[in-house]
N, C-alpha and C. Protein backbone atom coordinates (compact mmCIF):
# COMPACT_ATOMS: atom_id res chain seq x y z
N UNK A 1 0.85 -1.18 0.00
CA UNK A 1 0.00 0.00 0.00
C UNK A 1 0.89 1.24 0.00
N UNK A 2 0.46 2.22 -0.76
CA UNK A 2 1.17 3.50 -0.80
C UNK A 2 0.17 4.61 -0.48
N UNK A 3 0.53 5.43 0.48
CA UNK A 3 -0.28 6.59 0.84
C UNK A 3 -1.71 6.22 1.25
N UNK A 4 -1.91 4.99 1.68
CA UNK A 4 -3.22 4.49 2.11
C UNK A 4 -4.30 4.65 1.03
N UNK A 5 -3.91 4.68 -0.24
CA UNK A 5 -4.89 4.79 -1.31
C UNK A 5 -4.56 3.92 -2.53
N UNK A 6 -3.32 3.47 -2.67
CA UNK A 6 -2.89 2.74 -3.86
C UNK A 6 -2.31 1.39 -3.47
N UNK A 7 -2.74 0.33 -4.15
CA UNK A 7 -2.15 -1.00 -3.99
C UNK A 7 -1.07 -1.15 -5.05
N UNK A 8 0.13 -1.54 -4.66
CA UNK A 8 1.23 -1.77 -5.60
C UNK A 8 1.67 -3.22 -5.46
N UNK A 9 1.63 -3.96 -6.57
CA UNK A 9 2.06 -5.36 -6.60
C UNK A 9 3.31 -5.43 -7.46
N UNK A 10 4.42 -5.88 -6.87
CA UNK A 10 5.68 -6.00 -7.59
C UNK A 10 5.93 -7.46 -7.93
N UNK A 11 6.34 -7.69 -9.18
CA UNK A 11 6.63 -9.04 -9.65
C UNK A 11 7.96 -9.06 -10.39
N UNK A 12 8.54 -10.25 -10.50
CA UNK A 12 9.75 -10.46 -11.29
C UNK A 12 9.53 -11.72 -12.13
N UNK A 13 8.64 -11.62 -13.11
CA UNK A 13 8.25 -12.74 -13.96
C UNK A 13 8.63 -12.45 -15.41
N UNK A 14 8.70 -13.49 -16.23
CA UNK A 14 9.01 -13.28 -17.64
C UNK A 14 7.89 -12.51 -18.34
N UNK A 15 6.65 -12.68 -17.89
CA UNK A 15 5.52 -11.91 -18.42
C UNK A 15 4.38 -11.90 -17.42
N UNK A 16 3.53 -10.89 -17.52
CA UNK A 16 2.35 -10.78 -16.66
C UNK A 16 1.26 -11.65 -17.26
N UNK A 17 0.61 -12.42 -16.40
CA UNK A 17 -0.50 -13.27 -16.84
C UNK A 17 -1.77 -12.85 -16.11
N UNK A 18 -2.85 -13.50 -16.43
CA UNK A 18 -4.15 -13.19 -15.82
C UNK A 18 -4.19 -13.41 -14.33
N UNK A 19 -3.38 -14.36 -13.84
CA UNK A 19 -3.37 -14.65 -12.40
C UNK A 19 -2.90 -13.44 -11.62
N UNK A 20 -1.87 -12.79 -12.08
CA UNK A 20 -1.34 -11.62 -11.39
C UNK A 20 -2.34 -10.45 -11.45
N UNK A 21 -2.99 -10.30 -12.60
CA UNK A 21 -4.00 -9.24 -12.72
C UNK A 21 -5.17 -9.49 -11.78
N UNK A 22 -5.61 -10.74 -11.71
CA UNK A 22 -6.71 -11.10 -10.82
C UNK A 22 -6.36 -10.84 -9.37
N UNK A 23 -5.12 -11.07 -9.01
CA UNK A 23 -4.68 -10.85 -7.64
C UNK A 23 -4.80 -9.37 -7.27
N UNK A 24 -4.39 -8.48 -8.16
CA UNK A 24 -4.50 -7.04 -7.89
C UNK A 24 -5.97 -6.65 -7.77
N UNK A 25 -6.82 -7.17 -8.65
CA UNK A 25 -8.26 -6.85 -8.59
C UNK A 25 -8.85 -7.33 -7.27
N UNK A 26 -8.47 -8.51 -6.81
CA UNK A 26 -8.96 -9.01 -5.53
C UNK A 26 -8.49 -8.14 -4.37
N UNK A 27 -7.24 -7.67 -4.42
CA UNK A 27 -6.75 -6.76 -3.38
C UNK A 27 -7.58 -5.47 -3.36
N UNK A 28 -7.92 -4.94 -4.54
CA UNK A 28 -8.72 -3.72 -4.60
C UNK A 28 -10.11 -3.94 -4.02
N UNK A 29 -10.72 -5.05 -4.35
CA UNK A 29 -12.05 -5.35 -3.82
C UNK A 29 -12.01 -5.53 -2.30
N UNK A 30 -10.97 -6.19 -1.79
CA UNK A 30 -10.88 -6.46 -0.36
C UNK A 30 -10.62 -5.19 0.45
N UNK A 31 -9.83 -4.28 -0.11
CA UNK A 31 -9.47 -3.07 0.64
C UNK A 31 -10.40 -1.90 0.35
N UNK A 32 -11.06 -1.92 -0.80
CA UNK A 32 -11.89 -0.79 -1.20
C UNK A 32 -11.10 0.36 -1.78
N UNK A 33 -9.80 0.16 -2.01
CA UNK A 33 -8.98 1.20 -2.61
C UNK A 33 -9.39 1.40 -4.06
N UNK A 34 -9.09 2.56 -4.62
CA UNK A 34 -9.52 2.88 -5.96
C UNK A 34 -8.53 2.58 -7.06
N UNK A 35 -7.23 2.49 -6.73
CA UNK A 35 -6.20 2.34 -7.76
C UNK A 35 -5.23 1.24 -7.38
N UNK A 36 -4.88 0.42 -8.37
CA UNK A 36 -3.88 -0.62 -8.17
C UNK A 36 -2.86 -0.60 -9.30
N UNK A 37 -1.60 -0.82 -8.96
CA UNK A 37 -0.54 -0.87 -9.95
C UNK A 37 0.11 -2.25 -9.90
N UNK A 38 0.31 -2.84 -11.06
CA UNK A 38 1.01 -4.10 -11.18
C UNK A 38 2.29 -3.82 -11.96
N UNK A 39 3.45 -3.99 -11.32
CA UNK A 39 4.73 -3.70 -11.94
C UNK A 39 5.53 -4.99 -12.04
N UNK A 40 6.04 -5.28 -13.23
CA UNK A 40 6.82 -6.49 -13.46
C UNK A 40 8.22 -6.11 -13.91
N UNK A 41 9.22 -6.45 -13.09
CA UNK A 41 10.61 -6.14 -13.37
C UNK A 41 11.35 -7.30 -14.01
N UNK A 42 10.69 -8.43 -14.24
CA UNK A 42 11.34 -9.62 -14.76
C UNK A 42 11.45 -9.68 -16.27
N UNK A 43 10.71 -8.88 -16.98
CA UNK A 43 10.73 -8.85 -18.45
C UNK A 43 11.93 -7.99 -18.91
N UNK A 44 12.29 -8.08 -20.19
CA UNK A 44 13.41 -7.28 -20.69
C UNK A 44 13.23 -5.77 -20.44
N UNK A 45 11.99 -5.29 -20.48
CA UNK A 45 11.71 -3.90 -20.10
C UNK A 45 10.55 -3.92 -19.10
N UNK A 46 10.44 -2.87 -18.33
CA UNK A 46 9.41 -2.79 -17.29
C UNK A 46 8.02 -2.93 -17.89
N UNK A 47 7.22 -3.83 -17.32
CA UNK A 47 5.82 -3.95 -17.70
C UNK A 47 4.99 -3.39 -16.56
N UNK A 48 3.96 -2.62 -16.92
CA UNK A 48 3.10 -2.05 -15.88
C UNK A 48 1.66 -2.05 -16.35
N UNK A 49 0.77 -2.27 -15.39
CA UNK A 49 -0.67 -2.21 -15.62
C UNK A 49 -1.26 -1.40 -14.48
N UNK A 50 -2.21 -0.56 -14.79
CA UNK A 50 -2.91 0.25 -13.80
C UNK A 50 -4.36 -0.18 -13.80
N UNK A 51 -4.90 -0.41 -12.61
CA UNK A 51 -6.28 -0.83 -12.45
C UNK A 51 -7.04 0.21 -11.64
N UNK A 52 -8.28 0.45 -12.03
CA UNK A 52 -9.14 1.40 -11.33
C UNK A 52 -10.36 0.63 -10.84
N UNK A 53 -10.63 0.74 -9.54
CA UNK A 53 -11.74 0.02 -8.91
C UNK A 53 -12.86 0.98 -8.59
N UNK A 54 -14.07 0.59 -8.95
CA UNK A 54 -15.25 1.39 -8.64
C UNK A 54 -16.09 0.63 -7.62
N UNK A 55 -16.07 1.04 -6.34
CA UNK A 55 -16.84 0.32 -5.31
C UNK A 55 -18.33 0.27 -5.60
N UNK A 56 -18.88 1.29 -6.22
CA UNK A 56 -20.33 1.29 -6.50
C UNK A 56 -20.68 0.24 -7.56
N UNK A 57 -19.79 0.03 -8.54
CA UNK A 57 -20.03 -0.95 -9.58
C UNK A 57 -19.45 -2.32 -9.19
N UNK A 58 -18.66 -2.33 -8.13
CA UNK A 58 -17.99 -3.56 -7.66
C UNK A 58 -17.20 -4.25 -8.76
N UNK A 59 -16.52 -3.42 -9.58
CA UNK A 59 -15.70 -3.98 -10.64
C UNK A 59 -14.42 -3.16 -10.77
N UNK A 60 -13.41 -3.82 -11.32
CA UNK A 60 -12.14 -3.15 -11.59
C UNK A 60 -11.82 -3.32 -13.06
N UNK A 61 -11.22 -2.29 -13.64
CA UNK A 61 -10.85 -2.33 -15.04
C UNK A 61 -9.44 -1.86 -15.20
N UNK A 62 -8.78 -2.42 -16.19
CA UNK A 62 -7.44 -1.98 -16.54
C UNK A 62 -7.56 -0.60 -17.16
N UNK A 63 -6.70 0.29 -16.76
CA UNK A 63 -6.73 1.65 -17.30
C UNK A 63 -5.74 1.79 -18.45
N UNK A 64 -5.15 0.69 -18.90
CA UNK A 64 -4.18 0.74 -20.01
C UNK A 64 -4.89 0.76 -21.33
């Protein structure tokens, strides 16, 4: 957690898969936070995904 508003998930994998994305979405739903970042340092270049959670809609979407 950063600044009590953002979930940051750090990974070192060859590529980001759906499992990692689902994990960030579950963290957002559990905490009620609005923004989640998934950062992967294991690929040849940095991979990042930003997720936005809407508590009223109870869904999270990738903002990429």
